[in-house]
Amino acid sequence: MRLLQGPEPTLEQAARAVIAFGGIQDCTVQFPDVPQDSLRRVAVDGACAVLGLGT
């Protein structure tokens, strides 16, 4: 989280980072039959959206 939000993130920033990382982990469990490259692309895009980052 520190790499994304710095050493002292706001509560909102910290919560978004937790949601983004947790969401990526959940995708690997929820979509085991999706090709890794495809899943990686949409999961990272979704995490970036949660973090408010452009892709």
N, C-alpha and C. Protein backbone atom coordinates (compact mmCIF):
# COMPACT_ATOMS: atom_id res chain seq x y z
N MET A 1 0.82 -1.18 0.00
CA MET A 1 0.00 0.00 0.00
C MET A 1 0.87 1.25 0.00
N ARG A 2 1.98 1.21 0.68
CA ARG A 2 2.83 2.40 0.75
C ARG A 2 3.32 2.83 -0.63
N LEU A 3 3.58 1.86 -1.50
CA LEU A 3 4.03 2.20 -2.85
C LEU A 3 2.95 2.94 -3.63
N LEU A 4 1.70 2.59 -3.38
CA LEU A 4 0.60 3.24 -4.09
C LEU A 4 0.17 4.56 -3.47
N GLN A 5 0.10 4.60 -2.15
CA GLN A 5 -0.51 5.73 -1.47
C GLN A 5 0.43 6.55 -0.60
N GLY A 6 1.69 6.14 -0.49
CA GLY A 6 2.62 6.88 0.35
C GLY A 6 2.60 6.36 1.78
N PRO A 7 3.47 6.92 2.62
CA PRO A 7 3.62 6.41 3.98
C PRO A 7 2.46 6.73 4.93
N GLU A 8 1.68 7.76 4.62
CA GLU A 8 0.57 8.13 5.50
C GLU A 8 -0.70 8.39 4.68
N PRO A 9 -1.30 7.32 4.15
CA PRO A 9 -2.50 7.52 3.34
C PRO A 9 -3.69 7.94 4.21
N THR A 10 -4.61 8.63 3.57
CA THR A 10 -5.87 8.93 4.25
C THR A 10 -6.63 7.61 4.42
N LEU A 11 -7.65 7.63 5.21
CA LEU A 11 -8.49 6.44 5.37
C LEU A 11 -9.09 6.03 4.03
N GLU A 12 -9.54 6.99 3.25
CA GLU A 12 -10.12 6.68 1.94
C GLU A 12 -9.09 6.02 1.03
N GLN A 13 -7.87 6.54 0.99
CA GLN A 13 -6.82 5.95 0.16
C GLN A 13 -6.48 4.53 0.62
N ALA A 14 -6.36 4.34 1.91
CA ALA A 14 -6.02 3.02 2.45
C ALA A 14 -7.14 2.02 2.15
N ALA A 15 -8.39 2.44 2.31
CA ALA A 15 -9.52 1.55 2.04
C ALA A 15 -9.57 1.18 0.57
N ARG A 16 -9.32 2.13 -0.32
CA ARG A 16 -9.31 1.84 -1.75
C ARG A 16 -8.21 0.84 -2.10
N ALA A 17 -7.05 0.98 -1.49
CA ALA A 17 -5.95 0.04 -1.75
C ALA A 17 -6.33 -1.36 -1.30
N VAL A 18 -6.96 -1.48 -0.14
CA VAL A 18 -7.39 -2.79 0.35
C VAL A 18 -8.41 -3.40 -0.60
N ILE A 19 -9.36 -2.59 -1.07
CA ILE A 19 -10.38 -3.07 -2.00
C ILE A 19 -9.73 -3.51 -3.32
N ALA A 20 -8.80 -2.72 -3.81
CA ALA A 20 -8.14 -3.04 -5.08
C ALA A 20 -7.37 -4.35 -4.98
N PHE A 21 -6.56 -4.50 -3.96
CA PHE A 21 -5.77 -5.73 -3.82
C PHE A 21 -6.67 -6.93 -3.52
N GLY A 22 -7.66 -6.75 -2.68
CA GLY A 22 -8.58 -7.85 -2.37
C GLY A 22 -9.37 -8.26 -3.59
N GLY A 23 -9.75 -7.29 -4.40
CA GLY A 23 -10.49 -7.59 -5.61
C GLY A 23 -9.68 -8.40 -6.61
N ILE A 24 -8.40 -8.08 -6.73
CA ILE A 24 -7.54 -8.86 -7.62
C ILE A 24 -7.44 -10.29 -7.12
N GLN A 25 -7.28 -10.46 -5.83
CA GLN A 25 -7.19 -11.81 -5.26
C GLN A 25 -8.49 -12.57 -5.49
N ASP A 26 -9.61 -11.90 -5.28
CA ASP A 26 -10.92 -12.56 -5.47
C ASP A 26 -11.11 -13.01 -6.91
N CYS A 27 -10.63 -12.22 -7.86
CA CYS A 27 -10.78 -12.59 -9.27
C CYS A 27 -10.08 -13.90 -9.59
N THR A 28 -8.95 -14.14 -8.97
CA THR A 28 -8.23 -15.39 -9.26
C THR A 28 -9.01 -16.60 -8.76
N VAL A 29 -9.81 -16.41 -7.72
CA VAL A 29 -10.61 -17.51 -7.17
C VAL A 29 -11.94 -17.64 -7.91
N GLN A 30 -12.56 -16.51 -8.22
CA GLN A 30 -13.89 -16.53 -8.82
C GLN A 30 -13.90 -16.92 -10.30
N PHE A 31 -12.77 -16.70 -10.98
CA PHE A 31 -12.72 -16.94 -12.43
C PHE A 31 -11.56 -17.85 -12.79
N PRO A 32 -11.53 -19.08 -12.25
CA PRO A 32 -10.38 -19.96 -12.48
C PRO A 32 -10.25 -20.45 -13.93
N ASP A 33 -11.34 -20.41 -14.69
CA ASP A 33 -11.31 -20.93 -16.06
C ASP A 33 -11.00 -19.86 -17.12
N VAL A 34 -10.87 -18.61 -16.69
CA VAL A 34 -10.57 -17.53 -17.62
C VAL A 34 -9.05 -17.52 -17.88
N PRO A 35 -8.63 -17.38 -19.13
CA PRO A 35 -7.19 -17.32 -19.41
C PRO A 35 -6.51 -16.22 -18.59
N GLN A 36 -5.34 -16.53 -18.06
CA GLN A 36 -4.64 -15.61 -17.16
C GLN A 36 -4.42 -14.23 -17.75
N ASP A 37 -4.01 -14.16 -19.00
CA ASP A 37 -3.76 -12.85 -19.60
C ASP A 37 -5.01 -11.99 -19.66
N SER A 38 -6.12 -12.60 -20.01
CA SER A 38 -7.38 -11.85 -20.06
C SER A 38 -7.82 -11.40 -18.68
N LEU A 39 -7.73 -12.31 -17.72
CA LEU A 39 -8.14 -11.99 -16.35
C LEU A 39 -7.24 -10.92 -15.76
N ARG A 40 -5.95 -11.04 -15.99
CA ARG A 40 -5.00 -10.05 -15.47
C ARG A 40 -5.36 -8.66 -15.97
N ARG A 41 -5.64 -8.55 -17.25
CA ARG A 41 -5.94 -7.25 -17.85
C ARG A 41 -7.18 -6.62 -17.21
N VAL A 42 -8.27 -7.37 -17.11
CA VAL A 42 -9.49 -6.78 -16.56
C VAL A 42 -9.39 -6.56 -15.05
N ALA A 43 -8.68 -7.44 -14.34
CA ALA A 43 -8.53 -7.27 -12.89
C ALA A 43 -7.68 -6.05 -12.57
N VAL A 44 -6.60 -5.85 -13.30
CA VAL A 44 -5.75 -4.68 -13.06
C VAL A 44 -6.48 -3.40 -13.46
N ASP A 45 -7.22 -3.44 -14.57
CA ASP A 45 -8.01 -2.27 -14.96
C ASP A 45 -9.03 -1.91 -13.87
N GLY A 46 -9.67 -2.93 -13.31
CA GLY A 46 -10.65 -2.69 -12.25
C GLY A 46 -10.00 -2.13 -10.99
N ALA A 47 -8.84 -2.67 -10.63
CA ALA A 47 -8.13 -2.17 -9.45
C ALA A 47 -7.71 -0.72 -9.66
N CYS A 48 -7.25 -0.40 -10.86
CA CYS A 48 -6.86 0.99 -11.15
C CYS A 48 -8.07 1.92 -11.04
N ALA A 49 -9.22 1.46 -11.49
CA ALA A 49 -10.43 2.27 -11.39
C ALA A 49 -10.79 2.54 -9.93
N VAL A 50 -10.68 1.50 -9.10
CA VAL A 50 -10.97 1.67 -7.67
C VAL A 50 -10.01 2.67 -7.04
N LEU A 51 -8.74 2.64 -7.48
CA LEU A 51 -7.74 3.53 -6.94
C LEU A 51 -7.81 4.95 -7.53
N GLY A 52 -8.63 5.11 -8.57
CA GLY A 52 -8.73 6.40 -9.21
C GLY A 52 -7.58 6.69 -10.15
N LEU A 53 -6.95 5.62 -10.66
CA LEU A 53 -5.81 5.76 -11.57
C LEU A 53 -6.27 5.50 -12.99
N GLY A 54 -5.71 6.20 -13.94
CA GLY A 54 -6.01 5.93 -15.34
C GLY A 54 -5.26 4.70 -15.82
N THR A 55 -5.81 4.00 -16.78
CA THR A 55 -5.12 2.83 -17.33
C THR A 55 -4.74 3.05 -18.76
